Amino acid sequence: MARAIQPEKQELRSFHVSFVFHNNRLISIGQNSPKTHPINRRNTNSRTAEFVDTGSSIGGTKQTCSELSAFVKAKARSNIPFNKLTLVNVRLKVDGTTGDSCPCRSCQSLISHAGFKKVFYTSKNGEFVRY
């Protein structure tokens, strides 16, 4: 499914896509973007109550991660509690192979805060790993 929505020409060095499911039903799809999202500045670290920048920085350019994009869309489209949802994160490299898509620290914070039931991501070997 990730390969089906991968753009032919990528703006970033890899394509990350996240899927949110409820009982095998697709709720939302999010993909990484070179643009930032306003929630990037509102995500706080629960331990220190400090603002945390959500999203990766590549070459000094801020981007929105696919996990955040999928989270925002799922929240807007559904009233299902996140503790009943599954998040699946996939990374596709420019050459079409699967890469490590372990969530970054800020997305790990977001995932923990949201309380997803299950979270899976692709490893360097292309296998799915449970977070």
Protein backbone atom coordinates (compact mmCIF):
# COMPACT_ATOMS: atom_id res chain seq x y z
CA MET A 1 0.00 0.00 0.00
CA ALA A 2 2.90 2.38 0.78
CA ARG A 3 4.43 1.84 -2.65
CA ALA A 4 1.10 2.61 -4.30
CA ILE A 5 1.05 6.14 -2.88
CA GLN A 6 4.78 6.85 -3.15
CA PRO A 7 5.33 9.82 -5.49
CA GLU A 8 7.41 9.27 -8.62
CA LYS A 9 9.59 12.25 -7.78
CA GLN A 10 10.36 12.70 -4.10
CA GLU A 11 11.24 16.03 -2.52
CA LEU A 12 12.92 14.30 0.42
CA ARG A 13 15.59 11.60 0.55
CA SER A 14 13.05 8.97 1.62
CA PHE A 15 9.30 8.54 1.75
CA HIS A 16 7.73 7.86 5.13
CA VAL A 17 4.09 6.92 5.34
CA SER A 18 2.03 6.11 8.42
CA PHE A 19 -1.27 4.29 8.54
CA VAL A 20 -3.78 4.35 11.40
CA PHE A 21 -6.08 1.32 11.64
CA HIS A 22 -9.04 0.37 13.80
CA ASN A 23 -9.93 -3.34 13.64
CA ASN A 24 -8.24 -3.72 10.22
CA ARG A 25 -10.12 -0.67 8.89
CA LEU A 26 -7.96 2.17 7.58
CA ILE A 27 -8.72 5.42 9.46
CA SER A 28 -6.00 7.74 8.13
CA ILE A 29 -2.82 7.97 6.08
CA GLY A 30 -0.04 10.45 6.78
CA GLN A 31 3.16 11.08 4.87
CA ASN A 32 6.26 13.08 5.59
CA SER A 33 6.26 16.58 4.19
CA PRO A 34 8.87 19.30 3.71
CA LYS A 35 6.34 21.70 5.26
CA THR A 36 5.83 22.12 8.98
CA HIS A 37 2.54 21.76 10.82
CA PRO A 38 1.40 24.25 13.52
CA ILE A 39 1.12 21.43 16.06
CA ASN A 40 4.92 21.01 15.81
CA ARG A 41 5.28 23.93 18.21
CA ARG A 42 2.48 22.80 20.53
CA ASN A 43 3.76 19.30 21.28
CA THR A 44 5.07 19.39 24.84
CA ASN A 45 7.33 17.06 26.73
CA SER A 46 5.12 15.78 29.55
CA ARG A 47 8.01 15.37 31.99
CA THR A 48 9.43 18.87 31.71
CA ALA A 49 6.45 20.75 30.20
CA GLU A 50 8.87 22.20 27.65
CA PHE A 51 7.99 22.59 24.01
CA VAL A 52 9.38 19.89 21.77
CA ASP A 53 9.87 20.33 18.04
CA THR A 54 8.04 17.48 16.35
CA GLY A 55 9.50 16.50 13.04
CA SER A 56 12.86 15.77 11.57
CA SER A 57 15.44 18.24 10.45
CA ILE A 58 17.31 17.40 7.27
CA GLY A 59 20.02 19.80 6.25
CA GLY A 60 18.53 22.43 8.56
CA THR A 61 15.13 22.19 6.87
CA LYS A 62 12.28 21.32 9.20
CA GLN A 63 9.71 18.79 8.07
CA THR A 64 6.53 17.20 9.37
CA CYS A 65 6.77 13.49 10.12
CA SER A 66 4.26 11.00 8.77
CA GLU A 67 3.26 9.93 12.30
CA LEU A 68 2.12 13.46 13.15
CA SER A 69 0.27 13.79 9.86
CA ALA A 70 -1.58 10.49 10.41
CA PHE A 71 -2.33 11.42 14.03
CA VAL A 72 -3.86 14.79 13.09
CA LYS A 73 -6.00 13.25 10.33
CA ALA A 74 -7.18 10.38 12.56
CA LYS A 75 -8.14 12.81 15.31
CA ALA A 76 -10.10 14.98 12.85
CA ARG A 77 -11.88 12.09 11.11
CA SER A 78 -12.73 9.78 13.98
CA ASN A 79 -13.79 9.86 17.60
CA ILE A 80 -12.34 6.41 18.28
CA PRO A 81 -9.97 6.54 21.29
CA PHE A 82 -6.31 6.15 20.31
CA ASN A 83 -5.89 3.25 22.76
CA LYS A 84 -8.00 1.24 20.29
CA LEU A 85 -5.97 2.25 17.21
CA THR A 86 -2.88 0.75 15.58
CA LEU A 87 -0.17 2.89 13.95
CA VAL A 88 1.99 1.39 11.18
CA ASN A 89 5.01 3.36 9.93
CA VAL A 90 6.86 2.50 6.69
CA ARG A 91 9.95 4.04 5.07
CA LEU A 92 10.62 3.66 1.36
CA LYS A 93 13.97 4.78 0.02
CA VAL A 94 14.43 6.42 -3.37
CA ASP A 95 15.56 3.07 -4.83
CA GLY A 96 12.26 1.47 -3.70
CA THR A 97 13.68 -0.63 -0.88
CA THR A 98 12.29 -0.53 2.65
CA GLY A 99 14.31 1.22 5.34
CA ASP A 100 14.30 1.81 9.07
CA SER A 101 11.25 3.84 10.06
CA CYS A 102 11.64 3.84 13.83
CA PRO A 103 9.87 6.98 15.07
CA CYS A 104 12.08 9.95 16.00
CA ARG A 105 12.19 11.08 19.64
CA SER A 106 9.49 13.68 19.23
CA CYS A 107 7.19 11.20 17.46
CA GLN A 108 7.89 8.69 20.21
CA SER A 109 6.66 11.34 22.64
CA LEU A 110 3.55 11.90 20.51
CA ILE A 111 2.88 8.14 20.30
CA SER A 112 3.28 7.77 24.05
CA HIS A 113 1.00 10.74 24.73
CA ALA A 114 -1.69 9.49 22.30
CA GLY A 115 -1.57 5.98 23.77
CA PHE A 116 -1.89 3.90 20.59
CA LYS A 117 -2.87 0.27 21.21
CA LYS A 118 -0.10 -1.04 18.92
CA VAL A 119 2.68 0.59 16.91
CA PHE A 120 4.71 -1.11 14.17
CA TYR A 121 7.57 0.21 12.02
CA THR A 122 9.86 -1.22 9.35
CA SER A 123 13.41 -2.21 10.26
CA LYS A 124 16.56 -1.88 8.15
CA ASN A 125 15.88 -5.45 6.97
CA GLY A 126 12.37 -4.54 5.79
CA GLU A 127 10.66 -6.48 8.57
CA PHE A 128 7.94 -5.05 10.79
CA VAL A 129 8.96 -4.45 14.39
CA ARG A 130 6.58 -3.78 17.25
CA TYR A 131 7.41 -0.54 19.08
